[in-house]
C-alpha atoms as a PDB file:
ATOM      1  CA  UNK A   1      10.215 -66.518  71.165  1.00  0.00           C
ATOM      2  CA  UNK A   2      12.328 -63.527  72.248  1.00  0.00           C
ATOM      3  CA  UNK A   3      12.443 -62.335  75.813  1.00  0.00           C
ATOM      4  CA  UNK A   4      13.888 -58.983  76.760  1.00  0.00           C
ATOM      5  CA  UNK A   5      14.488 -59.292  80.473  1.00  0.00           C
ATOM      6  CA  UNK A   6      16.598 -57.451  83.004  1.00  0.00           C
ATOM      7  CA  UNK A   7      16.371 -57.396  86.800  1.00  0.00           C
ATOM      8  CA  UNK A   8      16.041 -53.638  86.914  1.00  0.00           C
ATOM      9  CA  UNK A   9      13.430 -53.720  84.138  1.00  0.00           C
ATOM     10  CA  UNK A  10      10.590 -55.054  86.326  1.00  0.00           C
ATOM     11  CA  UNK A  11       8.541 -52.027  87.384  1.00  0.00           C
ATOM     12  CA  UNK A  12       7.099 -51.967  90.895  1.00  0.00           C
ATOM     13  CA  UNK A  13       8.872 -55.068  92.171  1.00  0.00           C
ATOM     14  CA  UNK A  14      11.713 -54.967  94.662  1.00  0.00           C
ATOM     15  CA  UNK A  15      14.949 -56.586  93.464  1.00  0.00           C
ATOM     16  CA  UNK A  16      14.614 -59.509  95.829  1.00  0.00           C
ATOM     17  CA  UNK A  17      11.219 -60.384  94.330  1.00  0.00           C
ATOM     18  CA  UNK A  18      12.687 -60.024  90.831  1.00  0.00           C
ATOM     19  CA  UNK A  19      15.513 -62.343  91.753  1.00  0.00           C
ATOM     20  CA  UNK A  20      13.004 -64.899  93.020  1.00  0.00           C
ATOM     21  CA  UNK A  21      11.108 -64.730  89.717  1.00  0.00           C
ATOM     22  CA  UNK A  22      14.306 -65.226  87.735  1.00  0.00           C
ATOM     23  CA  UNK A  23      15.320 -68.196  89.859  1.00  0.00           C
ATOM     24  CA  UNK A  24      11.850 -69.723  89.434  1.00  0.00           C
ATOM     25  CA  UNK A  25      12.031 -69.201  85.665  1.00  0.00           C
ATOM     26  CA  UNK A  26      15.504 -70.783  85.474  1.00  0.00           C
ATOM     27  CA  UNK A  27      14.337 -73.758  87.566  1.00  0.00           C
ATOM     28  CA  UNK A  28      11.284 -74.237  85.367  1.00  0.00           C
ATOM     29  CA  UNK A  29      13.230 -74.210  82.129  1.00  0.00           C
ATOM     30  CA  UNK A  30      15.832 -76.645  83.459  1.00  0.00           C
ATOM     31  CA  UNK A  31      13.208 -79.393  83.482  1.00  0.00           C
ATOM     32  CA  UNK A  32      13.889 -81.871  80.663  1.00  0.00           C
ATOM     33  CA  UNK A  33      10.392 -81.797  79.089  1.00  0.00           C
ATOM     34  CA  UNK A  34      10.326 -78.006  78.835  1.00  0.00           C
ATOM     35  CA  UNK A  35      13.933 -77.905  77.574  1.00  0.00           C
ATOM     36  CA  UNK A  36      13.025 -80.415  74.895  1.00  0.00           C
ATOM     37  CA  UNK A  37       9.921 -78.444  73.813  1.00  0.00           C
ATOM     38  CA  UNK A  38      11.867 -75.160  73.604  1.00  0.00           C
ATOM     39  CA  UNK A  39      14.939 -76.850  72.082  1.00  0.00           C
ATOM     40  CA  UNK A  40      17.143 -75.545  74.887  1.00  0.00           C
ATOM     41  CA  UNK A  41      20.550 -77.062  75.498  1.00  0.00           C
ATOM     42  CA  UNK A  42      22.466 -76.907  78.743  1.00  0.00           C
ATOM     43  CA  UNK A  43      26.242 -76.879  78.598  1.00  0.00           C
ATOM     44  CA  UNK A  44      27.726 -79.662  80.681  1.00  0.00           C
ATOM     45  CA  UNK A  45      31.080 -78.985  82.317  1.00  0.00           C
ATOM     46  CA  UNK A  46      33.263 -82.026  82.756  1.00  0.00           C
ATOM     47  CA  UNK A  47      35.035 -82.231  86.119  1.00  0.00           C
ATOM     48  CA  UNK A  48      38.277 -84.221  86.172  1.00  0.00           C
ATOM     49  CA  UNK A  49      39.938 -85.701  89.239  1.00  0.00           C
ATOM     50  CA  UNK A  50      43.305 -84.394  90.369  1.00  0.00           C
ATOM     51  CA  UNK A  51      44.934 -87.774  89.731  1.00  0.00           C
ATOM     52  CA  UNK A  52      43.648 -87.760  86.130  1.00  0.00           C
ATOM     53  CA  UNK A  53      44.951 -84.210  85.642  1.00  0.00           C
ATOM     54  CA  UNK A  54      48.357 -85.198  87.031  1.00  0.00           C
ATOM     55  CA  UNK A  55      48.568 -88.282  84.812  1.00  0.00           C
ATOM     56  CA  UNK A  56      47.753 -86.203  81.696  1.00  0.00           C
ATOM     57  CA  UNK A  57      50.342 -83.575  82.691  1.00  0.00           C
ATOM     58  CA  UNK A  58      52.994 -86.234  83.344  1.00  0.00           C
ATOM     59  CA  UNK A  59      52.275 -87.764  79.946  1.00  0.00           C
ATOM     60  CA  UNK A  60      52.660 -84.336  78.363  1.00  0.00           C
ATOM     61  CA  UNK A  61      55.935 -83.669  80.189  1.00  0.00           C
ATOM     62  CA  UNK A  62      57.366 -86.972  78.983  1.00  0.00           C
ATOM     63  CA  UNK A  63      57.352 -85.309  75.575  1.00  0.00           C
ATOM     64  CA  UNK A  64      55.741 -88.004  73.460  1.00  0.00           C
ATOM     65  CA  UNK A  65      52.454 -86.172  72.799  1.00  0.00           C
ATOM     66  CA  UNK A  66      51.528 -82.517  72.436  1.00  0.00           C
ATOM     67  CA  UNK A  67      48.730 -80.806  74.366  1.00  0.00           C
ATOM     68  CA  UNK A  68      46.435 -80.994  71.354  1.00  0.00           C
ATOM     69  CA  UNK A  69      47.102 -84.698  70.883  1.00  0.00           C
ATOM     70  CA  UNK A  70      46.393 -85.358  74.580  1.00  0.00           C
ATOM     71  CA  UNK A  71      43.152 -83.368  74.380  1.00  0.00           C
ATOM     72  CA  UNK A  72      42.032 -85.531  71.467  1.00  0.00           C
ATOM     73  CA  UNK A  73      43.173 -88.751  73.127  1.00  0.00           C
ATOM     74  CA  UNK A  74      41.275 -88.123  76.381  1.00  0.00           C
ATOM     75  CA  UNK A  75      38.449 -85.990  74.890  1.00  0.00           C
ATOM     76  CA  UNK A  76      39.342 -82.960  77.032  1.00  0.00           C
ATOM     77  CA  UNK A  77      37.418 -79.782  76.264  1.00  0.00           C
ATOM     78  CA  UNK A  78      38.948 -76.332  76.270  1.00  0.00           C
ATOM     79  CA  UNK A  79      42.033 -75.253  74.391  1.00  0.00           C
ATOM     80  CA  UNK A  80      44.016 -74.276  77.468  1.00  0.00           C
ATOM     81  CA  UNK A  81      42.715 -76.859  79.945  1.00  0.00           C
ATOM     82  CA  UNK A  82      46.037 -78.682  80.299  1.00  0.00           C
ATOM     83  CA  UNK A  83      47.952 -75.423  80.686  1.00  0.00           C
ATOM     84  CA  UNK A  84      45.436 -74.319  83.341  1.00  0.00           C
ATOM     85  CA  UNK A  85      45.875 -77.632  85.176  1.00  0.00           C
ATOM     86  CA  UNK A  86      49.653 -77.242  85.065  1.00  0.00           C
ATOM     87  CA  UNK A  87      49.428 -73.807  86.678  1.00  0.00           C
ATOM     88  CA  UNK A  88      46.817 -75.008  89.157  1.00  0.00           C
ATOM     89  CA  UNK A  89      48.901 -78.007  90.253  1.00  0.00           C
ATOM     90  CA  UNK A  90      52.254 -76.168  90.337  1.00  0.00           C
ATOM     91  CA  UNK A  91      53.953 -77.544  87.233  1.00  0.00           C
ATOM     92  CA  UNK A  92      56.161 -75.311  85.126  1.00  0.00           C
ATOM     93  CA  UNK A  93      54.480 -74.272  81.894  1.00  0.00           C
ATOM     94  CA  UNK A  94      57.118 -75.194  79.361  1.00  0.00           C
ATOM     95  CA  UNK A  95      56.598 -77.111  76.169  1.00  0.00           C
ATOM     96  CA  UNK A  96      59.005 -80.056  75.980  1.00  0.00           C
ATOM     97  CA  UNK A  97      58.284 -80.735  72.312  1.00  0.00           C
ATOM     98  CA  UNK A  98      60.230 -78.609  69.841  1.00  0.00           C
ATOM     99  CA  UNK A  99      58.109 -76.850  67.251  1.00  0.00           C
ATOM    100  CA  UNK A 100      57.982 -78.834  64.055  1.00  0.00           C
ATOM    101  CA  UNK A 101      58.734 -76.777  60.941  1.00  0.00           C
ATOM    102  CA  UNK A 102      55.929 -76.552  58.422  1.00  0.00           C
ATOM    103  CA  UNK A 103      58.337 -77.573  55.689  1.00  0.00           C
ATOM    104  CA  UNK A 104      61.772 -79.099  55.607  1.00  0.00           C
ATOM    105  CA  UNK A 105      64.669 -77.782  53.575  1.00  0.00           C
ATOM    106  CA  UNK A 106      66.528 -80.651  51.949  1.00  0.00           C
ATOM    107  CA  UNK A 107      69.902 -79.847  50.387  1.00  0.00           C
ATOM    108  CA  UNK A 108      70.281 -81.246  46.904  1.00  0.00           C
ATOM    109  CA  UNK A 109      73.442 -83.120  46.117  1.00  0.00           C
ATOM    110  CA  UNK A 110      73.922 -81.865  42.576  1.00  0.00           C
ATOM    111  CA  UNK A 111      77.183 -82.950  40.976  1.00  0.00           C
ATOM    112  CA  UNK A 112      79.291 -80.206  39.428  1.00  0.00           C
ATOM    113  CA  UNK A 113      78.921 -80.132  35.662  1.00  0.00           C
ATOM    114  CA  UNK A 114      81.953 -81.122  33.625  1.00  0.00           C
ATOM    115  CA  UNK A 115      82.105 -77.621  32.121  1.00  0.00           C
ATOM    116  CA  UNK A 116      83.123 -76.106  35.473  1.00  0.00           C
ATOM    117  CA  UNK A 117      86.590 -74.651  35.402  1.00  0.00           C
ATOM    118  CA  UNK A 118      89.356 -75.984  37.578  1.00  0.00           C
ATOM    119  CA  UNK A 119      91.053 -73.840  40.218  1.00  0.00           C
ATOM    120  CA  UNK A 120      94.141 -73.298  38.054  1.00  0.00           C
ATOM    121  CA  UNK A 121      92.042 -72.084  35.132  1.00  0.00           C
ATOM    122  CA  UNK A 122      90.184 -69.680  37.407  1.00  0.00           C
ATOM    123  CA  UNK A 123      93.435 -68.310  38.867  1.00  0.00           C
ATOM    124  CA  UNK A 124      94.797 -67.761  35.339  1.00  0.00           C
ATOM    125  CA  UNK A 125      91.608 -65.917  34.351  1.00  0.00           C
ATOM    126  CA  UNK A 126      91.877 -63.681  37.450  1.00  0.00           C
ATOM    127  CA  UNK A 127      95.486 -62.754  36.633  1.00  0.00           C
ATOM    128  CA  UNK A 128      94.510 -61.953  32.998  1.00  0.00           C
ATOM    129  CA  UNK A 129      91.684 -59.707  34.191  1.00  0.00           C
ATOM    130  CA  UNK A 130      94.016 -57.896  36.620  1.00  0.00           C
ATOM    131  CA  UNK A 131      96.495 -57.272  33.788  1.00  0.00           C
ATOM    132  CA  UNK A 132      93.730 -55.905  31.520  1.00  0.00           C
ATOM    133  CA  UNK A 133      92.495 -53.648  34.319  1.00  0.00           C
ATOM    134  CA  UNK A 134      96.004 -52.197  34.769  1.00  0.00           C
ATOM    135  CA  UNK A 135      96.265 -51.628  30.987  1.00  0.00           C
ATOM    136  CA  UNK A 136      92.975 -49.692  30.963  1.00  0.00           C
ATOM    137  CA  UNK A 137      94.050 -47.608  33.974  1.00  0.00           C
ATOM    138  CA  UNK A 138      97.284 -46.663  32.117  1.00  0.00           C
ATOM    139  CA  UNK A 139      95.307 -45.851  28.948  1.00  0.00           C
ATOM    140  CA  UNK A 140      92.971 -43.571  30.936  1.00  0.00           C
ATOM    141  CA  UNK A 141      95.948 -41.766  32.499  1.00  0.00           C
ATOM    142  CA  UNK A 142      97.524 -41.323  29.043  1.00  0.00           C
ATOM    143  CA  UNK A 143      94.343 -39.746  27.664  1.00  0.00           C
ATOM    144  CA  UNK A 144      94.216 -37.326  30.610  1.00  0.00           C
ATOM    145  CA  UNK A 145      97.822 -36.236  29.957  1.00  0.00           C
ATOM    146  CA  UNK A 146      97.110 -35.737  26.227  1.00  0.00           C
ATOM    147  CA  UNK A 147      94.094 -33.553  27.087  1.00  0.00           C
ATOM    148  CA  UNK A 148      96.154 -31.502  29.587  1.00  0.00           C
ATOM    149  CA  UNK A 149      98.950 -30.983  26.978  1.00  0.00           C
ATOM    150  CA  UNK A 150      96.405 -29.892  24.327  1.00  0.00           C
ATOM    151  CA  UNK A 151      94.765 -27.438  26.748  1.00  0.00           C
ATOM    152  CA  UNK A 152      98.188 -25.910  27.559  1.00  0.00           C
ATOM    153  CA  UNK A 153      99.188 -25.525  23.885  1.00  0.00           C
ATOM    154  CA  UNK A 154      95.809 -24.239  22.637  1.00  0.00           C
ATOM    155  CA  UNK A 155      95.086 -22.238  25.821  1.00  0.00           C
ATOM    156  CA  UNK A 156      91.512 -23.477  26.011  1.00  0.00           C
ATOM    157  CA  UNK A 157      89.535 -25.923  28.171  1.00  0.00           C
ATOM    158  CA  UNK A 158      88.060 -29.147  26.816  1.00  0.00           C
ATOM    159  CA  UNK A 159      86.049 -29.906  29.948  1.00  0.00           C
ATOM    160  CA  UNK A 160      82.294 -30.063  29.591  1.00  0.00           C
ATOM    161  CA  UNK A 161      80.523 -26.991  30.854  1.00  0.00           C
ATOM    162  CA  UNK A 162      77.708 -27.434  33.351  1.00  0.00           C
ATOM    163  CA  UNK A 163      74.117 -27.089  32.123  1.00  0.00           C
ATOM    164  CA  UNK A 164      74.921 -28.294  28.616  1.00  0.00           C
ATOM    165  CA  UNK A 165      73.362 -31.221  26.907  1.00  0.00           C
END
């Protein structure tokens, strides 16, 4: 049963008459028998007393329960009802509960394997590597000097030309 109805859509009737018809229609369909026949549901708005609102807000500010938990506990509708009450009654809108992480990082206490090297062994290895690095640097310098000497004696260049493969 679909009704397409607008106030301006009633031809020949002044708006005040149209408004009267709408009000009469609304009144008629608010009757329980007609609502039941047409399977109409009326949304009921719960009205809470100021003292109840204040007690819920005080419980929230104590920090033991979150807004969601309080809504479930007292069967309060509306996601932001408690926040709205706080603003309405002059409370600051802070959340005393810290956000709980979705997961917790737990450090593992893994013992060091026996094969780990001691500090002295590591220091010895570092000094050996430094010595080998110095040896390679000297070898590289020696090769460069040999190449320079050969270029001077043979009067030619051994450097790679650009654009060659």
